[in-house]
């Protein structure tokens, strides 16, 4: 299995892709951290901020009064989803918010972009940009995979990587706000791997096997990853398999992910402060994604009990995985 993952709803994206048995491609940060010891320092978000000359320091160091509001988050969070992050408006709030292992940094403004990039020996050779449409409290309504390039981000991240990722070959995900890197991952974004397509996944395999990048991306189009949110204070039942198939059958839908387990307390999962992910619909058309999300919203029910049942996933134009 070339692509390493722990979440069963991702099997539909990777299990059919061929790769040598001795090659391992991470899709989650815990695995990337272990597989890339020379470059895993990039998971320290304070280090990333300081390497771009941003104002930043651990919580024990007070921000200058003129710096407020500032952004606070954990130095390292391999589970993702913006857990533990918040805006701190003033010094009084900061003093009440001190936490070990957290740091503050400049509150950046501008477009929030997620960029997947392929690197060969520290040089960026491919990139694709995605923007999130925020709701509140770290949640996003949907992610828009753009067909167009973003030269400013490519130039900044590419030049930064040439200096700091010398010798690295593999995939990288950059998250930027206003063109500045807020965090990095030594992997691509697995959430919408199906939208990149099997040809792209085969190119990723060759990148890790042969250290070369060959992929014709000239025909790419705008695509979408629509999120269905619930409350972290509620428990939910998985939707019936028939409803997952119905959502996956909506024209323009690529895949359905139901990223939770009925037997796990929602508050123990890594999620943004505002909510709990109930479903992800990847689509080639935004309205198709919304239509499928509506089907799943009606099918996923709040429950008072916690039956011990594993997750179910579905994918358009292929079998669902039970």
Protein backbone atom coordinates (compact mmCIF):
# COMPACT_ATOMS: atom_id res chain seq x y z
CA UNK A 1 0.00 0.00 0.00
CA UNK A 2 1.90 3.09 -1.21
CA UNK A 3 -0.33 5.73 0.38
CA UNK A 4 -0.38 5.57 4.16
CA UNK A 5 -3.65 6.55 5.79
CA UNK A 6 -5.56 5.69 8.96
CA UNK A 7 -9.04 6.90 8.01
CA UNK A 8 -11.13 4.22 6.26
CA UNK A 9 -13.09 6.76 4.21
CA UNK A 10 -9.85 7.51 2.33
CA UNK A 11 -9.42 3.93 1.05
CA UNK A 12 -11.56 4.76 -1.99
CA UNK A 13 -8.92 7.22 -3.21
CA UNK A 14 -5.74 5.18 -2.81
CA UNK A 15 -6.15 1.41 -2.63
CA UNK A 16 -6.33 0.89 -6.41
CA UNK A 17 -3.16 2.89 -7.17
CA UNK A 18 -0.15 0.65 -7.87
CA UNK A 19 3.19 1.30 -6.19
CA UNK A 20 6.27 -0.69 -5.14
CA UNK A 21 5.84 -2.28 -1.72
CA UNK A 22 8.92 -0.55 -0.30
CA UNK A 23 7.72 2.99 -1.10
CA UNK A 24 5.63 4.85 1.47
CA UNK A 25 3.74 8.05 0.70
CA UNK A 26 2.27 9.87 3.72
CA UNK A 27 -1.16 11.45 3.60
CA UNK A 28 -1.27 12.33 7.32
CA UNK A 29 1.13 14.42 9.36
CA UNK A 30 1.95 11.83 12.02
CA UNK A 31 3.32 9.54 9.30
CA UNK A 32 5.08 12.37 7.45
CA UNK A 33 6.81 13.41 10.67
CA UNK A 34 8.23 9.89 11.08
CA UNK A 35 9.16 9.40 7.42
CA UNK A 36 10.89 12.78 6.94
CA UNK A 37 13.20 13.31 9.94
CA UNK A 38 15.47 15.78 8.12
CA UNK A 39 12.65 18.18 7.31
CA UNK A 40 10.07 17.55 10.05
CA UNK A 41 11.08 20.76 11.81
CA UNK A 42 8.61 22.49 9.46
CA UNK A 43 5.78 21.28 11.69
CA UNK A 44 6.88 23.82 14.31
CA UNK A 45 4.63 26.75 13.41
CA UNK A 46 6.57 29.21 15.54
CA UNK A 47 9.71 28.38 13.56
CA UNK A 48 7.82 28.92 10.29
CA UNK A 49 6.57 32.33 11.47
CA UNK A 50 10.02 33.49 12.60
CA UNK A 51 11.61 32.26 9.36
CA UNK A 52 9.40 34.79 7.55
CA UNK A 53 10.25 37.64 9.94
CA UNK A 54 6.76 37.71 11.43
CA UNK A 55 6.26 38.88 15.01
CA UNK A 56 5.85 35.70 17.07
CA UNK A 57 6.82 34.18 20.43
CA UNK A 58 5.76 31.52 22.95
CA UNK A 59 2.93 32.43 25.31
CA UNK A 60 5.30 33.29 28.13
CA UNK A 61 6.51 36.27 26.08
CA UNK A 62 3.93 39.06 26.01
CA UNK A 63 3.17 40.67 22.65
CA UNK A 64 3.94 44.39 22.37
CA UNK A 65 0.78 46.35 23.18
CA UNK A 66 0.69 47.75 19.66
CA UNK A 67 0.58 44.21 18.21
CA UNK A 68 -2.97 43.37 19.27
CA UNK A 69 -5.02 41.64 18.08
CA UNK A 70 -2.74 38.61 17.71
CA UNK A 71 -3.35 35.03 16.63
CA UNK A 72 -2.75 32.17 19.07
CA UNK A 73 -2.35 28.46 18.33
CA UNK A 74 -0.31 25.38 19.34
CA UNK A 75 3.34 25.32 18.28
CA UNK A 76 2.69 21.90 16.76
CA UNK A 77 -0.57 20.13 15.92
CA UNK A 78 -0.20 17.01 13.83
CA UNK A 79 -3.94 16.31 13.98
CA UNK A 80 -4.80 19.54 12.14
CA UNK A 81 -8.24 21.15 11.74
CA UNK A 82 -7.17 24.38 13.45
CA UNK A 83 -7.62 22.85 16.90
CA UNK A 84 -6.71 25.23 19.73
CA UNK A 85 -6.46 28.32 17.51
CA UNK A 86 -8.04 31.69 18.31
CA UNK A 87 -7.74 35.45 17.95
CA UNK A 88 -6.68 37.28 21.13
CA UNK A 89 -7.89 40.90 21.05
CA UNK A 90 -5.97 42.50 23.92
CA UNK A 91 -3.47 42.00 26.73
CA UNK A 92 -6.09 41.29 29.41
CA UNK A 93 -7.48 38.42 27.34
CA UNK A 94 -3.97 37.22 26.54
CA UNK A 95 -3.05 36.94 30.23
CA UNK A 96 -6.16 34.83 30.84
CA UNK A 97 -5.39 32.62 27.84
CA UNK A 98 -1.83 31.50 28.57
CA UNK A 99 -1.27 27.85 27.68
CA UNK A 100 1.89 25.75 27.61
CA UNK A 101 2.88 24.71 24.10
CA UNK A 102 1.08 27.64 22.47
CA UNK A 103 2.44 30.73 20.77
CA UNK A 104 1.16 34.02 19.41
CA UNK A 105 1.96 35.62 16.08
CA UNK A 106 0.97 38.50 13.84
CA UNK A 107 -2.71 38.33 12.89
CA UNK A 108 -2.45 38.05 9.12
CA UNK A 109 -5.11 39.39 6.81
CA UNK A 110 -6.00 38.42 3.28
CA UNK A 111 -6.89 35.36 1.31
CA UNK A 112 -6.58 31.99 3.08
CA UNK A 113 -5.11 29.57 0.53
CA UNK A 114 -4.15 25.90 0.75
CA UNK A 115 -1.48 25.00 -1.81
CA UNK A 116 -0.41 21.48 -2.69
CA UNK A 117 2.99 21.39 -4.38
CA UNK A 118 5.37 18.79 -5.77
CA UNK A 119 9.09 19.24 -5.10
CA UNK A 120 12.17 17.71 -6.68
CA UNK A 121 15.36 18.38 -4.73
CA UNK A 122 13.89 21.48 -3.08
CA UNK A 123 12.47 22.96 -6.29
CA UNK A 124 8.72 23.43 -6.77
CA UNK A 125 7.68 21.67 -10.01
CA UNK A 126 3.88 21.67 -9.69
CA UNK A 127 1.24 23.40 -7.58
CA UNK A 128 -2.53 23.64 -7.19
CA UNK A 129 -4.35 26.22 -5.07
CA UNK A 130 -7.51 25.94 -3.01
CA UNK A 131 -9.37 28.64 -1.09
CA UNK A 132 -11.75 28.08 1.78
CA UNK A 133 -15.00 30.01 2.21
CA UNK A 134 -15.20 30.59 5.98
CA UNK A 135 -18.31 30.35 8.12
CA UNK A 136 -17.07 31.07 11.66
CA UNK A 137 -14.83 29.70 14.42
CA UNK A 138 -12.39 28.00 12.04
CA UNK A 139 -15.05 26.27 9.94
CA UNK A 140 -15.27 26.45 6.14
CA UNK A 141 -18.47 26.12 4.10
CA UNK A 142 -16.57 24.72 1.14
CA UNK A 143 -13.14 24.65 -0.49
CA UNK A 144 -12.72 25.87 -4.07
CA UNK A 145 -9.97 24.13 -6.08
CA UNK A 146 -8.91 26.77 -8.58
CA UNK A 147 -7.91 26.00 -12.13
CA UNK A 148 -5.79 29.15 -12.34
CA UNK A 149 -2.28 29.65 -10.98
CA UNK A 150 -1.41 32.06 -8.14
CA UNK A 151 2.05 33.41 -9.02
CA UNK A 152 2.51 35.45 -5.83
CA UNK A 153 2.07 32.39 -3.61
CA UNK A 154 4.10 30.17 -5.93
CA UNK A 155 6.97 32.67 -5.94
CA UNK A 156 6.95 33.16 -2.15
CA UNK A 157 6.63 29.49 -1.21
CA UNK A 158 8.97 28.38 -3.97
CA UNK A 159 11.76 30.78 -3.02
CA UNK A 160 11.27 30.05 0.69
CA UNK A 161 11.49 26.31 0.02
CA UNK A 162 14.64 26.63 -2.09
CA UNK A 163 16.30 28.12 0.97
CA UNK A 164 14.82 25.88 3.66
CA UNK A 165 13.89 22.56 1.98
CA UNK A 166 17.17 21.80 0.22
CA UNK A 167 17.26 18.19 -0.93
CA UNK A 168 13.57 17.51 -0.31
CA UNK A 169 11.69 15.49 -2.92
CA UNK A 170 8.01 14.80 -2.37
CA UNK A 171 4.72 16.55 -1.77
CA UNK A 172 4.21 19.62 0.44
CA UNK A 173 1.09 21.46 1.51
CA UNK A 174 1.39 25.16 2.36
CA UNK A 175 -1.32 27.12 4.11
CA UNK A 176 -1.00 30.85 3.55
CA UNK A 177 -2.88 33.98 4.55
CA UNK A 178 -2.13 37.13 2.61
CA UNK A 179 0.70 35.29 0.87
CA UNK A 180 2.52 34.38 4.12
CA UNK A 181 2.96 30.77 5.24
CA UNK A 182 1.04 29.97 8.43
CA UNK A 183 1.80 26.25 8.44
CA UNK A 184 3.30 23.47 6.34
CA UNK A 185 2.78 19.75 5.89
CA UNK A 186 5.10 17.19 4.29
CA UNK A 187 2.21 15.69 2.34
CA UNK A 188 -0.58 16.69 -0.03
CA UNK A 189 -4.22 17.27 0.98
CA UNK A 190 -5.91 13.85 1.04
CA UNK A 191 -9.41 15.33 1.41
CA UNK A 192 -9.77 15.97 -2.33
CA UNK A 193 -7.27 13.52 -3.83
CA UNK A 194 -10.01 12.13 -6.09
CA UNK A 195 -10.48 15.56 -7.67
CA UNK A 196 -6.81 15.59 -8.68
CA UNK A 197 -7.48 12.23 -10.35
CA UNK A 198 -5.77 8.87 -10.77
CA UNK A 199 -3.27 10.18 -13.34
CA UNK A 200 -2.10 12.69 -10.75
CA UNK A 201 -1.83 10.01 -8.06
CA UNK A 202 0.26 7.90 -10.43
CA UNK A 203 2.52 10.93 -10.97
CA UNK A 204 2.89 11.23 -7.19
CA UNK A 205 3.96 7.59 -7.01
CA UNK A 206 6.61 8.20 -9.67
CA UNK A 207 7.78 11.30 -7.78
CA UNK A 208 8.54 9.18 -4.71
CA UNK A 209 9.90 6.21 -6.69
CA UNK A 210 11.98 7.86 -9.45
CA UNK A 211 12.39 11.41 -8.05
CA UNK A 212 10.88 12.96 -11.19
CA UNK A 213 7.64 14.83 -11.86
CA UNK A 214 5.70 14.27 -15.08
CA UNK A 215 2.06 15.34 -15.19
CA UNK A 216 0.06 17.22 -17.81
CA UNK A 217 -2.27 19.51 -15.85
CA UNK A 218 -3.37 21.70 -18.76
CA UNK A 219 -7.01 20.53 -18.72
CA UNK A 220 -7.79 21.14 -15.06
CA UNK A 221 -11.07 22.80 -14.08
CA UNK A 222 -12.59 24.46 -11.02
CA UNK A 223 -13.68 21.89 -8.43
CA UNK A 224 -15.21 21.92 -4.95
CA UNK A 225 -15.10 20.18 -1.58
CA UNK A 226 -18.28 20.95 0.38
CA UNK A 227 -18.42 20.37 4.14
CA UNK A 228 -21.38 19.38 6.32
CA UNK A 229 -20.95 20.48 9.94
CA UNK A 230 -22.56 19.40 13.20
CA UNK A 231 -22.16 20.36 16.84
CA UNK A 232 -19.33 19.06 19.00
CA UNK A 233 -21.85 18.80 21.84
CA UNK A 234 -23.98 16.23 20.00
CA UNK A 235 -23.60 12.60 18.95
CA UNK A 236 -24.68 11.45 15.49
CA UNK A 237 -25.67 8.26 13.72
CA UNK A 238 -24.09 7.33 10.42
CA UNK A 239 -26.35 7.79 7.39
CA UNK A 240 -27.83 4.64 5.83
CA UNK A 241 -25.69 3.23 3.03
CA UNK A 242 -28.57 3.79 0.59
CA UNK A 243 -28.50 7.53 1.33
CA UNK A 244 -24.74 7.66 0.79
CA UNK A 245 -25.24 5.98 -2.60
CA UNK A 246 -28.03 8.46 -3.40
CA UNK A 247 -25.79 11.42 -2.57
CA UNK A 248 -22.90 9.92 -4.56
CA UNK A 249 -25.19 9.45 -7.57
CA UNK A 250 -25.91 13.18 -7.91
CA UNK A 251 -24.50 14.23 -11.32
CA UNK A 252 -21.28 16.17 -10.84
CA UNK A 253 -20.35 14.51 -7.52
CA UNK A 254 -16.99 12.74 -7.38
CA UNK A 255 -16.97 11.25 -3.88
CA UNK A 256 -18.61 11.15 -0.46
CA UNK A 257 -16.70 10.93 2.81
CA UNK A 258 -18.40 10.46 6.19
CA UNK A 259 -15.46 11.26 8.48
CA UNK A 260 -16.67 10.17 11.91
CA UNK A 261 -17.33 7.10 14.02
CA UNK A 262 -20.47 6.59 16.04
CA UNK A 263 -18.54 5.15 18.98
CA UNK A 264 -16.20 8.13 19.45
CA UNK A 265 -17.10 11.24 21.45
CA UNK A 266 -17.07 14.22 19.01
CA UNK A 267 -15.15 16.32 21.53
CA UNK A 268 -12.18 13.92 21.34
CA UNK A 269 -11.72 14.37 17.58
CA UNK A 270 -9.55 17.12 16.12
CA UNK A 271 -11.92 19.80 14.84
CA UNK A 272 -12.03 23.58 14.64
CA UNK A 273 -13.56 25.37 17.64
CA UNK A 274 -16.90 25.89 15.92
CA UNK A 275 -18.05 22.43 14.91
CA UNK A 276 -17.68 18.75 14.01
CA UNK A 277 -17.34 17.45 10.44
CA UNK A 278 -20.18 15.11 9.47
CA UNK A 279 -19.58 14.75 5.72
CA UNK A 280 -17.38 15.88 2.84
CA UNK A 281 -18.72 16.02 -0.70
CA UNK A 282 -16.17 16.44 -3.50
CA UNK A 283 -17.69 17.65 -6.75
CA UNK A 284 -17.03 19.19 -10.15
CA UNK A 285 -19.92 21.59 -9.64
CA UNK A 286 -20.74 23.56 -6.48
CA UNK A 287 -24.50 23.14 -6.73
CA UNK A 288 -24.08 19.38 -7.15
CA UNK A 289 -22.01 19.34 -3.98
CA UNK A 290 -24.68 21.30 -2.11
CA UNK A 291 -27.44 18.98 -3.35
CA UNK A 292 -25.56 15.90 -2.13
CA UNK A 293 -24.79 17.62 1.18
CA UNK A 294 -28.51 18.29 1.69
CA UNK A 295 -29.26 14.59 1.22
CA UNK A 296 -26.67 13.70 3.86
CA UNK A 297 -27.87 16.41 6.25
CA UNK A 298 -31.33 14.83 6.26
CA UNK A 299 -29.88 11.32 6.64
CA UNK A 300 -27.48 11.97 9.55
CA UNK A 301 -29.45 12.05 12.80
CA UNK A 302 -28.62 13.22 16.30
CA UNK A 303 -28.66 10.31 18.76
CA UNK A 304 -28.68 9.87 22.53
CA UNK A 305 -26.70 6.62 22.49
CA UNK A 306 -23.30 5.72 21.03
CA UNK A 307 -23.52 2.41 19.12
CA UNK A 308 -20.13 0.93 18.24
CA UNK A 309 -20.26 0.95 14.44
CA UNK A 310 -17.43 1.82 12.07
CA UNK A 311 -17.71 4.47 9.36
CA UNK A 312 -19.12 3.97 5.88
CA UNK A 313 -17.86 5.69 2.76
CA UNK A 314 -19.17 6.04 -0.75
CA UNK A 315 -17.86 7.24 -4.09
CA UNK A 316 -19.60 8.20 -7.28
CA UNK A 317 -19.12 5.78 -10.18
CA UNK A 318 -17.60 3.10 -7.94
CA UNK A 319 -18.69 0.82 -5.14
CA UNK A 320 -19.23 2.06 -1.61
CA UNK A 321 -16.89 0.65 1.04
CA UNK A 322 -18.76 -0.89 3.98
